[in-house]
Structures are given as C-alpha cells and as structure tokens.
C-alpha atoms as a PDB file:
ATOM      1  CA  MET A   1     104.394 103.330 117.286  1.00  0.00           C
ATOM      2  CA  GLN A   2     101.945 103.874 114.224  1.00  0.00           C
ATOM      3  CA  THR A   3     101.200 100.917 112.131  1.00  0.00           C
ATOM      4  CA  LYS A   4     102.772 102.178 108.708  1.00  0.00           C
ATOM      5  CA  LEU A   5     100.096 101.606 105.943  1.00  0.00           C
ATOM      6  CA  PHE A   6     100.102 100.078 102.284  1.00  0.00           C
ATOM      7  CA  PRO A   7     100.335 102.088  99.516  1.00  0.00           C
ATOM      8  CA  ARG A   8      97.092 103.225  98.203  1.00  0.00           C
ATOM      9  CA  HIS A   9      97.131 101.146  95.526  1.00  0.00           C
ATOM     10  CA  ILE A  10      98.210  97.906  97.416  1.00  0.00           C
ATOM     11  CA  ALA A  11      95.632  98.158  99.661  1.00  0.00           C
ATOM     12  CA  ALA A  12      93.154  98.098  96.616  1.00  0.00           C
ATOM     13  CA  LEU A  13      94.239  95.689  95.414  1.00  0.00           C
ATOM     14  CA  LEU A  14      94.084  93.807  98.268  1.00  0.00           C
ATOM     15  CA  LEU A  15      90.209  94.642  99.097  1.00  0.00           C
ATOM     16  CA  ALA A  16      89.151  93.916  95.508  1.00  0.00           C
ATOM     17  CA  GLY A  17      90.843  90.395  95.944  1.00  0.00           C
ATOM     18  CA  LEU A  18      89.082  89.830  99.268  1.00  0.00           C
ATOM     19  CA  ALA A  19      85.885  91.414  97.461  1.00  0.00           C
ATOM     20  CA  CYS A  20      86.622  88.420  94.940  1.00  0.00           C
ATOM     21  CA  ALA A  21      87.029  85.583  97.880  1.00  0.00           C
ATOM     22  CA  PHE A  22      83.966  86.780  98.942  1.00  0.00           C
ATOM     23  CA  ALA A  23      81.929  86.627  96.009  1.00  0.00           C
ATOM     24  CA  GLY A  24      83.354  83.093  95.285  1.00  0.00           C
ATOM     25  CA  ASN A  25      82.491  82.041  98.632  1.00  0.00           C
ATOM     26  CA  HIS A  26      78.695  82.664  97.439  1.00  0.00           C
ATOM     27  CA  ILE A  27      79.245  80.418  93.962  1.00  0.00           C
ATOM     28  CA  ALA A  28      81.048  78.000  95.999  1.00  0.00           C
ATOM     29  CA  ALA A  29      77.841  77.624  98.408  1.00  0.00           C
ATOM     30  CA  ARG A  30      75.745  77.721  95.356  1.00  0.00           C
ATOM     31  CA  ILE A  31      77.069  74.990  93.775  1.00  0.00           C
ATOM     32  CA  ALA A  32      77.132  72.985  97.139  1.00  0.00           C
ATOM     33  CA  PHE A  33      73.151  73.958  97.533  1.00  0.00           C
ATOM     34  CA  ASP A  34      72.545  72.527  94.219  1.00  0.00           C
ATOM     35  CA  ASP A  35      73.831  69.570  95.309  1.00  0.00           C
ATOM     36  CA  GLY A  36      72.132  68.560  98.324  1.00  0.00           C
ATOM     37  CA  ALA A  37      73.629  70.582 100.907  1.00  0.00           C
ATOM     38  CA  GLY A  38      72.039  72.213 103.469  1.00  0.00           C
ATOM     39  CA  LEU A  39      72.035  75.867 104.502  1.00  0.00           C
ATOM     40  CA  LEU A  40      72.628  75.356 108.146  1.00  0.00           C
ATOM     41  CA  LEU A  41      75.472  73.071 106.957  1.00  0.00           C
ATOM     42  CA  ALA A  42      77.516  75.888 105.418  1.00  0.00           C
ATOM     43  CA  ILE A  43      76.751  78.228 107.889  1.00  0.00           C
ATOM     44  CA  LEU A  44      78.245  76.154 111.257  1.00  0.00           C
ATOM     45  CA  CYS A  45      81.198  74.800 108.426  1.00  0.00           C
ATOM     46  CA  ARG A  46      81.977  78.935 107.810  1.00  0.00           C
ATOM     47  CA  SER A  47      81.443  80.304 111.083  1.00  0.00           C
ATOM     48  CA  GLY A  48      83.171  77.573 112.843  1.00  0.00           C
ATOM     49  CA  VAL A  49      86.241  77.571 110.597  1.00  0.00           C
ATOM     50  CA  THR A  50      86.361  81.199 110.816  1.00  0.00           C
ATOM     51  CA  MET A  51      85.967  81.462 114.653  1.00  0.00           C
ATOM     52  CA  LEU A  52      88.932  79.046 115.066  1.00  0.00           C
ATOM     53  CA  VAL A  53      91.277  81.079 113.227  1.00  0.00           C
ATOM     54  CA  LEU A  54      89.919  84.385 114.581  1.00  0.00           C
ATOM     55  CA  GLY A  55      90.540  82.646 118.148  1.00  0.00           C
ATOM     56  CA  ILE A  56      94.361  81.762 117.479  1.00  0.00           C
ATOM     57  CA  LEU A  57      94.825  85.433 116.031  1.00  0.00           C
ATOM     58  CA  VAL A  58      93.108  86.667 119.826  1.00  0.00           C
ATOM     59  CA  PHE A  59      95.368  84.136 121.428  1.00  0.00           C
ATOM     60  CA  LEU A  60      98.538  85.574 119.322  1.00  0.00           C
ATOM     61  CA  LYS A  61      98.004  88.816 120.148  1.00  0.00           C
ATOM     62  CA  ARG A  62      96.751  88.328 123.532  1.00  0.00           C
ATOM     63  CA  GLU A  63      93.522  90.548 123.372  1.00  0.00           C
ATOM     64  CA  SER A  64      91.190  90.709 126.426  1.00  0.00           C
ATOM     65  CA  VAL A  65      87.899  88.787 125.515  1.00  0.00           C
ATOM     66  CA  ARG A  66      86.057  90.120 128.590  1.00  0.00           C
ATOM     67  CA  LEU A  67      82.555  92.171 128.288  1.00  0.00           C
ATOM     68  CA  GLY A  68      80.710  94.375 130.463  1.00  0.00           C
ATOM     69  CA  PRO A  69      77.093  93.426 131.155  1.00  0.00           C
ATOM     70  CA  ALA A  70      75.547  96.118 128.712  1.00  0.00           C
ATOM     71  CA  MET A  71      78.669  95.416 126.209  1.00  0.00           C
ATOM     72  CA  ALA A  72      77.736  91.891 126.169  1.00  0.00           C
ATOM     73  CA  GLY A  73      74.358  92.330 125.277  1.00  0.00           C
ATOM     74  CA  TRP A  74      75.226  94.176 122.545  1.00  0.00           C
ATOM     75  CA  GLN A  75      77.752  91.779 121.184  1.00  0.00           C
ATOM     76  CA  LEU A  76      75.040  89.001 121.788  1.00  0.00           C
ATOM     77  CA  LEU A  77      72.461  90.837 119.282  1.00  0.00           C
ATOM     78  CA  MET A  78      75.364  91.384 117.353  1.00  0.00           C
ATOM     79  CA  GLY A  79      75.915  87.711 116.889  1.00  0.00           C
ATOM     80  CA  CYS A  80      71.984  87.264 116.328  1.00  0.00           C
ATOM     81  CA  LEU A  81      71.658  89.463 113.498  1.00  0.00           C
ATOM     82  CA  ILE A  82      74.688  88.160 111.484  1.00  0.00           C
ATOM     83  CA  GLY A  83      72.937  84.919 112.174  1.00  0.00           C
ATOM     84  CA  PHE A  84      69.927  85.491 110.786  1.00  0.00           C
ATOM     85  CA  GLN A  85      71.544  87.589 107.941  1.00  0.00           C
ATOM     86  CA  SER A  86      73.865  84.480 107.047  1.00  0.00           C
ATOM     87  CA  PHE A  87      70.858  82.381 106.607  1.00  0.00           C
ATOM     88  CA  CYS A  88      69.061  85.533 104.422  1.00  0.00           C
ATOM     89  CA  ILE A  89      71.926  85.461 101.909  1.00  0.00           C
ATOM     90  CA  TYR A  90      72.453  81.837 101.438  1.00  0.00           C
ATOM     91  CA  SER A  91      68.809  81.510 101.169  1.00  0.00           C
ATOM     92  CA  ALA A  92      68.825  83.978  98.231  1.00  0.00           C
ATOM     93  CA  VAL A  93      71.800  82.751  96.844  1.00  0.00           C
ATOM     94  CA  ALA A  94      70.202  79.230  96.338  1.00  0.00           C
ATOM     95  CA  ARG A  95      67.153  80.962  94.708  1.00  0.00           C
ATOM     96  CA  ILE A  96      68.811  83.732  92.504  1.00  0.00           C
ATOM     97  CA  PRO A  97      71.384  84.146  90.439  1.00  0.00           C
ATOM     98  CA  VAL A  98      74.924  85.091  92.880  1.00  0.00           C
ATOM     99  CA  GLY A  99      75.396  88.490  91.601  1.00  0.00           C
ATOM    100  CA  LEU A 100      71.935  89.246  91.683  1.00  0.00           C
ATOM    101  CA  ALA A 101      71.381  88.328  95.334  1.00  0.00           C
ATOM    102  CA  LEU A 102      74.941  90.007  96.086  1.00  0.00           C
ATOM    103  CA  LEU A 103      74.077  93.555  94.514  1.00  0.00           C
ATOM    104  CA  VAL A 104      70.788  93.510  96.772  1.00  0.00           C
ATOM    105  CA  VAL A 105      72.413  92.933  99.948  1.00  0.00           C
ATOM    106  CA  ASN A 106      74.981  95.504  98.984  1.00  0.00           C
ATOM    107  CA  LEU A 107      72.035  98.132  99.779  1.00  0.00           C
ATOM    108  CA  SER A 108      73.235  97.399 103.507  1.00  0.00           C
ATOM    109  CA  PRO A 109      74.632 101.369 103.412  1.00  0.00           C
ATOM    110  CA  VAL A 110      71.497 102.424 102.616  1.00  0.00           C
ATOM    111  CA  PHE A 111      69.589 101.127 105.206  1.00  0.00           C
ATOM    112  CA  LEU A 112      72.436 102.014 108.048  1.00  0.00           C
ATOM    113  CA  ALA A 113      71.958 105.568 106.823  1.00  0.00           C
ATOM    114  CA  LEU A 114      68.319 105.162 107.457  1.00  0.00           C
ATOM    115  CA  PHE A 115      68.526 103.211 110.855  1.00  0.00           C
ATOM    116  CA  THR A 116      71.218 106.142 111.603  1.00  0.00           C
ATOM    117  CA  TYR A 117      68.540 108.787 110.976  1.00  0.00           C
ATOM    118  CA  VAL A 118      65.811 107.213 112.637  1.00  0.00           C
ATOM    119  CA  LEU A 119      67.902 106.155 116.064  1.00  0.00           C
ATOM    120  CA  GLY A 120      68.843 110.150 116.860  1.00  0.00           C
ATOM    121  CA  GLY A 121      71.487 110.374 114.012  1.00  0.00           C
ATOM    122  CA  PRO A 122      72.385 113.358 111.636  1.00  0.00           C
ATOM    123  CA  ALA A 123      69.631 112.972 108.586  1.00  0.00           C
ATOM    124  CA  PRO A 124      70.909 111.757 105.004  1.00  0.00           C
ATOM    125  CA  THR A 125      72.090 114.865 103.457  1.00  0.00           C
ATOM    126  CA  ARG A 126      69.783 116.068  99.963  1.00  0.00           C
ATOM    127  CA  ARG A 127      72.852 114.250  97.925  1.00  0.00           C
ATOM    128  CA  SER A 128      72.669 111.040  99.703  1.00  0.00           C
ATOM    129  CA  VAL A 129      68.883 111.029  99.165  1.00  0.00           C
ATOM    130  CA  VAL A 130      69.562 111.658  95.051  1.00  0.00           C
ATOM    131  CA  LEU A 131      72.109 109.034  95.680  1.00  0.00           C
ATOM    132  CA  MET A 132      69.133 106.419  97.424  1.00  0.00           C
ATOM    133  CA  ALA A 133      67.311 106.865  94.966  1.00  0.00           C
ATOM    134  CA  CYS A 134      69.342 106.325  92.294  1.00  0.00           C
ATOM    135  CA  ILE A 135      70.500 102.980  93.650  1.00  0.00           C
ATOM    136  CA  LEU A 136      66.866 102.158  93.965  1.00  0.00           C
ATOM    137  CA  CYS A 137      66.266 103.095  90.217  1.00  0.00           C
ATOM    138  CA  GLY A 138      69.475 100.800  89.585  1.00  0.00           C
ATOM    139  CA  LEU A 139      67.925  98.210  91.789  1.00  0.00           C
ATOM    140  CA  LEU A 140      64.163  97.846  90.043  1.00  0.00           C
ATOM    141  CA  ILE A 141      66.273  97.791  86.277  1.00  0.00           C
ATOM    142  CA  ALA A 142      68.727  94.967  87.747  1.00  0.00           C
ATOM    143  CA  LEU A 143      65.923  93.056  89.231  1.00  0.00           C
ATOM    144  CA  ASP A 144      64.093  92.965  85.551  1.00  0.00           C
ATOM    145  CA  VAL A 145      61.317  95.024  87.083  1.00  0.00           C
ATOM    146  CA  PRO A 146      61.026  97.350  83.870  1.00  0.00           C
ATOM    147  CA  THR A 147      60.680  93.820  81.697  1.00  0.00           C
ATOM    148  CA  ILE A 148      57.869  92.488  84.350  1.00  0.00           C
ATOM    149  CA  VAL A 149      55.486  95.324  84.453  1.00  0.00           C
ATOM    150  CA  ALA A 150      55.679  95.868  80.298  1.00  0.00           C
ATOM    151  CA  GLY A 151      54.510  92.001  80.326  1.00  0.00           C
ATOM    152  CA  GLN A 152      57.604  90.379  78.742  1.00  0.00           C
ATOM    153  CA  GLY A 153      58.576  88.886  81.866  1.00  0.00           C
ATOM    154  CA  GLN A 154      56.073  87.067  84.818  1.00  0.00           C
ATOM    155  CA  PHE A 155      57.404  87.110  88.966  1.00  0.00           C
ATOM    156  CA  ASP A 156      58.746  83.164  89.675  1.00  0.00           C
ATOM    157  CA  GLU A 157      57.776  82.022  93.160  1.00  0.00           C
ATOM    158  CA  ARG A 158      61.967  81.453  93.664  1.00  0.00           C
ATOM    159  CA  TRP A 159      62.494  85.029  92.112  1.00  0.00           C
ATOM    160  CA  ILE A 160      60.462  86.525  94.434  1.00  0.00           C
ATOM    161  CA  GLU A 161      61.796  84.384  97.386  1.00  0.00           C
ATOM    162  CA  GLY A 162      65.548  84.943  96.494  1.00  0.00           C
ATOM    163  CA  VAL A 163      64.469  88.823  96.500  1.00  0.00           C
ATOM    164  CA  LEU A 164      62.723  89.338  99.729  1.00  0.00           C
ATOM    165  CA  PHE A 165      65.427  86.930 101.100  1.00  0.00           C
ATOM    166  CA  SER A 166      68.052  89.410  99.836  1.00  0.00           C
ATOM    167  CA  LEU A 167      66.430  92.443 100.806  1.00  0.00           C
ATOM    168  CA  VAL A 168      65.667  91.600 104.594  1.00  0.00           C
ATOM    169  CA  GLY A 169      69.467  90.541 104.621  1.00  0.00           C
ATOM    170  CA  ALA A 170      70.458  93.801 103.304  1.00  0.00           C
ATOM    171  CA  ALA A 171      68.104  95.274 106.190  1.00  0.00           C
ATOM    172  CA  VAL A 172      69.653  93.212 108.935  1.00  0.00           C
ATOM    173  CA  PHE A 173      73.136  93.867 107.845  1.00  0.00           C
ATOM    174  CA  GLY A 174      72.459  97.426 108.253  1.00  0.00           C
ATOM    175  CA  ALA A 175      71.178  97.079 111.569  1.00  0.00           C
ATOM    176  CA  ALA A 176      74.499  95.296 112.830  1.00  0.00           C
ATOM    177  CA  MET A 177      76.530  97.781 111.234  1.00  0.00           C
ATOM    178  CA  TRP A 178      74.674 100.254 113.225  1.00  0.00           C
ATOM    179  CA  VAL A 179      75.369  97.922 116.158  1.00  0.00           C
ATOM    180  CA  SER A 180      78.996  97.726 115.476  1.00  0.00           C
ATOM    181  CA  GLU A 181      79.813 101.526 114.939  1.00  0.00           C
ATOM    182  CA  ASN A 182      77.623 102.710 117.791  1.00  0.00           C
ATOM    183  CA  ARG A 183      77.787  99.987 120.591  1.00  0.00           C
ATOM    184  CA  LEU A 184      80.573  98.101 119.804  1.00  0.00           C
ATOM    185  CA  SER A 185      83.125 100.446 118.818  1.00  0.00           C
ATOM    186  CA  GLY A 186      85.061 100.260 121.739  1.00  0.00           C
ATOM    187  CA  MET A 187      86.091  96.327 121.446  1.00  0.00           C
ATOM    188  CA  ALA A 188      88.960  95.368 119.440  1.00  0.00           C
ATOM    189  CA  GLY A 189      88.083  94.191 115.877  1.00  0.00           C
ATOM    190  CA  THR A 190      89.455  90.707 115.762  1.00  0.00           C
ATOM    191  CA  VAL A 191      87.608  90.066 119.511  1.00  0.00           C
ATOM    192  CA  ARG A 192      84.634  91.464 117.852  1.00  0.00           C
ATOM    193  CA  SER A 193      84.363  89.415 115.057  1.00  0.00           C
ATOM    194  CA  MET A 194      85.605  86.012 116.697  1.00  0.00           C
ATOM    195  CA  LEU A 195      83.013  86.538 119.243  1.00  0.00           C
ATOM    196  CA  THR A 196      80.339  87.095 116.597  1.00  0.00           C
ATOM    197  CA  MET A 197      81.592  84.172 114.654  1.00  0.00           C
ATOM    198  CA  ALA A 198      81.014  82.321 117.904  1.00  0.00           C
ATOM    199  CA  LEU A 199      77.398  83.103 118.012  1.00  0.00           C
ATOM    200  CA  VAL A 200      76.458  82.709 114.432  1.00  0.00           C
ATOM    201  CA  PHE A 201      77.963  79.093 115.077  1.00  0.00           C
ATOM    202  CA  ALA A 202      75.693  78.644 118.556  1.00  0.00           C
ATOM    203  CA  VAL A 203      72.343  80.317 117.145  1.00  0.00           C
ATOM    204  CA  ALA A 204      72.678  77.661 113.545  1.00  0.00           C
ATOM    205  CA  LEU A 205      73.758  74.845 115.936  1.00  0.00           C
ATOM    206  CA  LEU A 206      70.232  75.700 117.758  1.00  0.00           C
ATOM    207  CA  ALA A 207      68.340  75.930 114.905  1.00  0.00           C
ATOM    208  CA  SER A 208      69.840  72.693 113.488  1.00  0.00           C
ATOM    209  CA  ALA A 209      68.842  71.035 117.118  1.00  0.00           C
ATOM    210  CA  ALA A 210      65.037  72.643 116.865  1.00  0.00           C
ATOM    211  CA  ASN A 211      64.737  71.392 113.316  1.00  0.00           C
ATOM    212  CA  VAL A 212      64.080  75.200 112.864  1.00  0.00           C
ATOM    213  CA  VAL A 213      65.206  74.573 108.651  1.00  0.00           C
ATOM    214  CA  PRO A 214      63.903  71.430 107.273  1.00  0.00           C
ATOM    215  CA  GLY A 215      67.161  69.556 105.635  1.00  0.00           C
ATOM    216  CA  GLY A 216      68.924  72.617 106.788  1.00  0.00           C
ATOM    217  CA  LEU A 217      71.929  69.850 107.662  1.00  0.00           C
ATOM    218  CA  SER A 218      71.495  67.341 104.803  1.00  0.00           C
ATOM    219  CA  MET A 219      75.114  66.674 102.797  1.00  0.00           C
ATOM    220  CA  PRO A 220      76.438  67.154  99.410  1.00  0.00           C
ATOM    221  CA  GLU A 221      75.124  64.103  97.248  1.00  0.00           C
ATOM    222  CA  SER A 222      78.859  64.221  95.185  1.00  0.00           C
ATOM    223  CA  THR A 223      82.628  65.064  95.613  1.00  0.00           C
ATOM    224  CA  GLY A 224      81.415  68.256  93.589  1.00  0.00           C
ATOM    225  CA  GLY A 225      79.377  69.246  96.514  1.00  0.00           C
ATOM    226  CA  TRP A 226      81.539  68.725  99.082  1.00  0.00           C
ATOM    227  CA  LEU A 227      84.535  70.374  97.338  1.00  0.00           C
ATOM    228  CA  ALA A 228      82.139  73.353  96.713  1.00  0.00           C
ATOM    229  CA  LEU A 229      81.664  73.220 100.702  1.00  0.00           C
ATOM    230  CA  SER A 230      85.101  73.030 101.164  1.00  0.00           C
ATOM    231  CA  PHE A 231      85.910  76.180  98.766  1.00  0.00           C
ATOM    232  CA  LEU A 232      82.743  78.440 100.443  1.00  0.00           C
ATOM    233  CA  VAL A 233      84.783  77.456 104.101  1.00  0.00           C
ATOM    234  CA  VAL A 234      88.667  78.200 102.908  1.00  0.00           C
ATOM    235  CA  LEU A 235      87.624  81.646 100.474  1.00  0.00           C
ATOM    236  CA  TYR A 236      85.343  83.414 103.321  1.00  0.00           C
ATOM    237  CA  GLY A 237      87.652  81.643 106.098  1.00  0.00           C
ATOM    238  CA  ALA A 238      90.876  83.235 104.421  1.00  0.00           C
ATOM    239  CA  ALA A 239      89.135  86.517 103.479  1.00  0.00           C
ATOM    240  CA  PHE A 240      87.476  87.194 106.665  1.00  0.00           C
ATOM    241  CA  SER A 241      90.926  86.472 108.793  1.00  0.00           C
ATOM    242  CA  THR A 242      93.216  88.006 106.260  1.00  0.00           C
ATOM    243  CA  LEU A 243      90.617  91.338 106.075  1.00  0.00           C
ATOM    244  CA  PHE A 244      91.448  91.726 109.781  1.00  0.00           C
ATOM    245  CA  ILE A 245      94.761  90.311 110.054  1.00  0.00           C
ATOM    246  CA  PHE A 246      95.716  93.771 107.471  1.00  0.00           C
ATOM    247  CA  MET A 247      92.992  96.220 108.741  1.00  0.00           C
ATOM    248  CA  PRO A 248      95.280  98.145 110.391  1.00  0.00           C
ATOM    249  CA  ARG A 249      97.273  98.899 107.043  1.00  0.00           C
ATOM    250  CA  LEU A 250      94.672  99.298 104.874  1.00  0.00           C
ATOM    251  CA  ASP A 251      93.184 102.497 105.669  1.00  0.00           C
ATOM    252  CA  ILE A 252      89.993 101.686 105.632  1.00  0.00           C
ATOM    253  CA  ALA A 253      88.364 104.936 106.156  1.00  0.00           C
ATOM    254  CA  ARG A 254      89.594 105.654 102.483  1.00  0.00           C
ATOM    255  CA  ASN A 255      89.672 102.160 101.083  1.00  0.00           C
ATOM    256  CA  ALA A 256      86.455 100.464 101.871  1.00  0.00           C
ATOM    257  CA  PRO A 257      84.117 101.564  98.620  1.00  0.00           C
ATOM    258  CA  VAL A 258      86.518  98.775  97.245  1.00  0.00           C
ATOM    259  CA  LEU A 259      84.871  95.901  98.527  1.00  0.00           C
ATOM    260  CA  ASN A 260      81.826  97.187  96.466  1.00  0.00           C
ATOM    261  CA  VAL A 261      83.043  95.047  93.812  1.00  0.00           C
ATOM    262  CA  GLU A 262      82.043  91.708  95.270  1.00  0.00           C
ATOM    263  CA  PRO A 263      78.935  91.941  93.324  1.00  0.00           C
ATOM    264  CA  VAL A 264      80.503  92.818  90.257  1.00  0.00           C
ATOM    265  CA  ALA A 265      82.931  89.945  90.892  1.00  0.00           C
ATOM    266  CA  GLY A 266      79.540  87.852  91.706  1.00  0.00           C
ATOM    267  CA  LEU A 267      78.476  88.670  88.430  1.00  0.00           C
ATOM    268  CA  MET A 268      81.279  87.882  86.466  1.00  0.00           C
ATOM    269  CA  PHE A 269      81.822  84.710  88.360  1.00  0.00           C
ATOM    270  CA  GLY A 270      78.116  83.713  88.280  1.00  0.00           C
ATOM    271  CA  TRP A 271      78.285  84.308  84.233  1.00  0.00           C
ATOM    272  CA  LEU A 272      81.860  82.105  83.791  1.00  0.00           C
ATOM    273  CA  ILE A 273      80.927  79.610  85.966  1.00  0.00           C
ATOM    274  CA  LEU A 274      77.601  78.797  86.606  1.00  0.00           C
ATOM    275  CA  ASP A 275      76.318  80.411  83.296  1.00  0.00           C
ATOM    276  CA  GLN A 276      73.840  82.950  85.234  1.00  0.00           C
ATOM    277  CA  GLN A 277      73.467  85.540  82.161  1.00  0.00           C
ATOM    278  CA  LEU A 278      71.764  88.864  82.999  1.00  0.00           C
ATOM    279  CA  SER A 279      70.438  90.853  80.110  1.00  0.00           C
ATOM    280  CA  ALA A 280      72.333  94.356  78.718  1.00  0.00           C
ATOM    281  CA  LEU A 281      70.065  96.779  80.866  1.00  0.00           C
ATOM    282  CA  GLN A 282      70.303  94.315  84.181  1.00  0.00           C
ATOM    283  CA  LEU A 283      73.817  94.983  83.410  1.00  0.00           C
ATOM    284  CA  VAL A 284      73.026  98.612  83.458  1.00  0.00           C
ATOM    285  CA  GLY A 285      70.946  98.894  86.565  1.00  0.00           C
ATOM    286  CA  GLY A 286      73.422  96.463  88.736  1.00  0.00           C
ATOM    287  CA  GLY A 287      76.299  99.213  87.462  1.00  0.00           C
ATOM    288  CA  MET A 288      73.813 102.451  88.551  1.00  0.00           C
ATOM    289  CA  VAL A 289      73.573 100.519  91.767  1.00  0.00           C
ATOM    290  CA  VAL A 290      77.089  99.869  92.450  1.00  0.00           C
ATOM    291  CA  ALA A 291      78.478 102.892  91.213  1.00  0.00           C
ATOM    292  CA  GLY A 292      75.853 104.775  93.654  1.00  0.00           C
ATOM    293  CA  ILE A 293      76.814 102.427  96.881  1.00  0.00           C
ATOM    294  CA  VAL A 294      80.588 103.532  96.432  1.00  0.00           C
ATOM    295  CA  LEU A 295      79.823 107.263  96.138  1.00  0.00           C
ATOM    296  CA  LEU A 296      77.667 106.913  99.161  1.00  0.00           C
ATOM    297  CA  ALA A 297      80.473 105.397 101.164  1.00  0.00           C
ATOM    298  CA  TYR A 298      82.821 107.468 100.071  1.00  0.00           C
ATOM    299  CA  ARG A 299      80.717 110.584 101.204  1.00  0.00           C
ATOM    300  CA  ARG A 300      79.920 108.767 104.764  1.00  0.00           C
ATOM    301  CA  GLN A 301      83.342 108.729 105.308  1.00  0.00           C
ATOM    302  CA  GLY A 302      84.988 111.943 103.754  1.00  0.00           C
END
C-alpha cells in the first residue's frame, strides 16, 4: 500500500518548522557554551537522546539492524564523519554568530557535487557551476570579506577559527552525504540514522576518555546553561526524530530545499535572542547563499 503524501504546503510548513528547530538547537548550544558547557557534553547529550528515540522507532517497526561486512564499514565511516561534523559545527557556533556558521555549513551540497564528480559521478552542469560561483560570492559578502579587504575591518582569531570549523564541517557533511547516497542507500533511513547516532555517541565518548578536547565535558555554570543544554537536546532530538517519522509522507525529493530555511532562522534567532547583528550587506550575501543552494538543490532533484 502506497503511503499517502502530505499536501505540499503542509509538507513545506512542517519542514520549515523542523529547520527552525534545528536552528534553535544551535542557538541553545551557543547559550550553553557561553555558560561553560563543554562541546563533547553537548554532543553526548544530543546524540544519546536521539539514538534512544530512533532505537525505539526501529524496535516498533521491527526493522533489521544486521549489516554485511562491507555495509558495516561504510556505516562506521558515516558515524565518524557525522561525529566530526558535529564537533566542527558546535566549535563554529561557539566562536562566530550562529546564522553565519549555519550559512557556511550549508555549503555541504556544493561539496557533495564536487565529491560526486571527483569520485566518478557526472560533472557539474554549466548552470551548477554558475550557481556555485554565486554562492561563493555571496558567502564572501556574508563573511564581510570585502570590508576587511578594504581595510575597514580586521580578522579576529576566533572569527578565523569559526569560519574554518564551519568550512570543514560543510566538507565533512558533504562527504557523509555522498556515503549515504552511494553506499548506504539500501538501508532503512531510521536504522541508518540510529546507527549513525550510536557511533557519534561512541566517538564522543572515546574522545572524552582520551581528553582529546580539554574541558569537553565541562558542566554549565548556572541554571540557564542547564536549561539551554536541555533545549538543545529536546529541539534536536524532536526535529531529527520527527523528520524520520514523517519522511515517507514529506516527498523529500521535491521539498528538501525547504530545510535551507535553517540559516535564515539562525540569523533571526541570533538577532532576537543573542543580539548577534550582521550588516545589511552581509544579509544580502546570506540571501545569495541560501537562494543559490535552494536552486542547486532543486536542479539536482529535478
């Protein structure tokens, strides 16, 4: 029996809501980090709760979690990539405005297109190359590079670190998307996501035991920090789980670009909650990035 799809406007509204929840998770993360919470603590809480929720879904749906040797290897790689990407994006969010970090991280479809081509897939079309160039120009504007080059601004060490963490996170997530689409597409989405979260939890646990990130397990210093950490877990876990519960009815092939609302929501929440303000020119650059990524996504899925 074919699953009945939601009307497109309902699917778009639901995806936009999930994108806002994902953005809210990063706002909560910044509040928690500013209150002394460690990066690894946030990753452990987020991945652990999400893993449990997805595990319950897998159990209720009676889906098999058995993997062959080859599939297990790719799943292990997937978990490690997502674990490292989680560290990168939280490291970026802790250093630069949340909306700016999310804009850079959302370059992952560009990296996916490049990885696909390098690893034997079709070359990007001329239209895709033009869109990627526009996205890059928009990103440079959003990062305020023209102002810095003109001598009216300066590079800050934390700004550079935040941008680099965002770029690495985008590249790593692009690689994870390639693995998911080309090596793990035969697995049920819920099982793949549950195993990925389990591996992220395990990687964060090992990193904590090895003290790879000094202060990675630091606790928040106040009630506000604990509340922010709780909101982080709830928003991410609820959004991630809801996405996979309703995915068969969301017509993701057509509607996935709506999720690119996340950096826009990040900019708005960052302004309203954290008083993180960007210039009008930076907002124009951010708009160019989001528009280019949406057009690129629609082209890839069309």
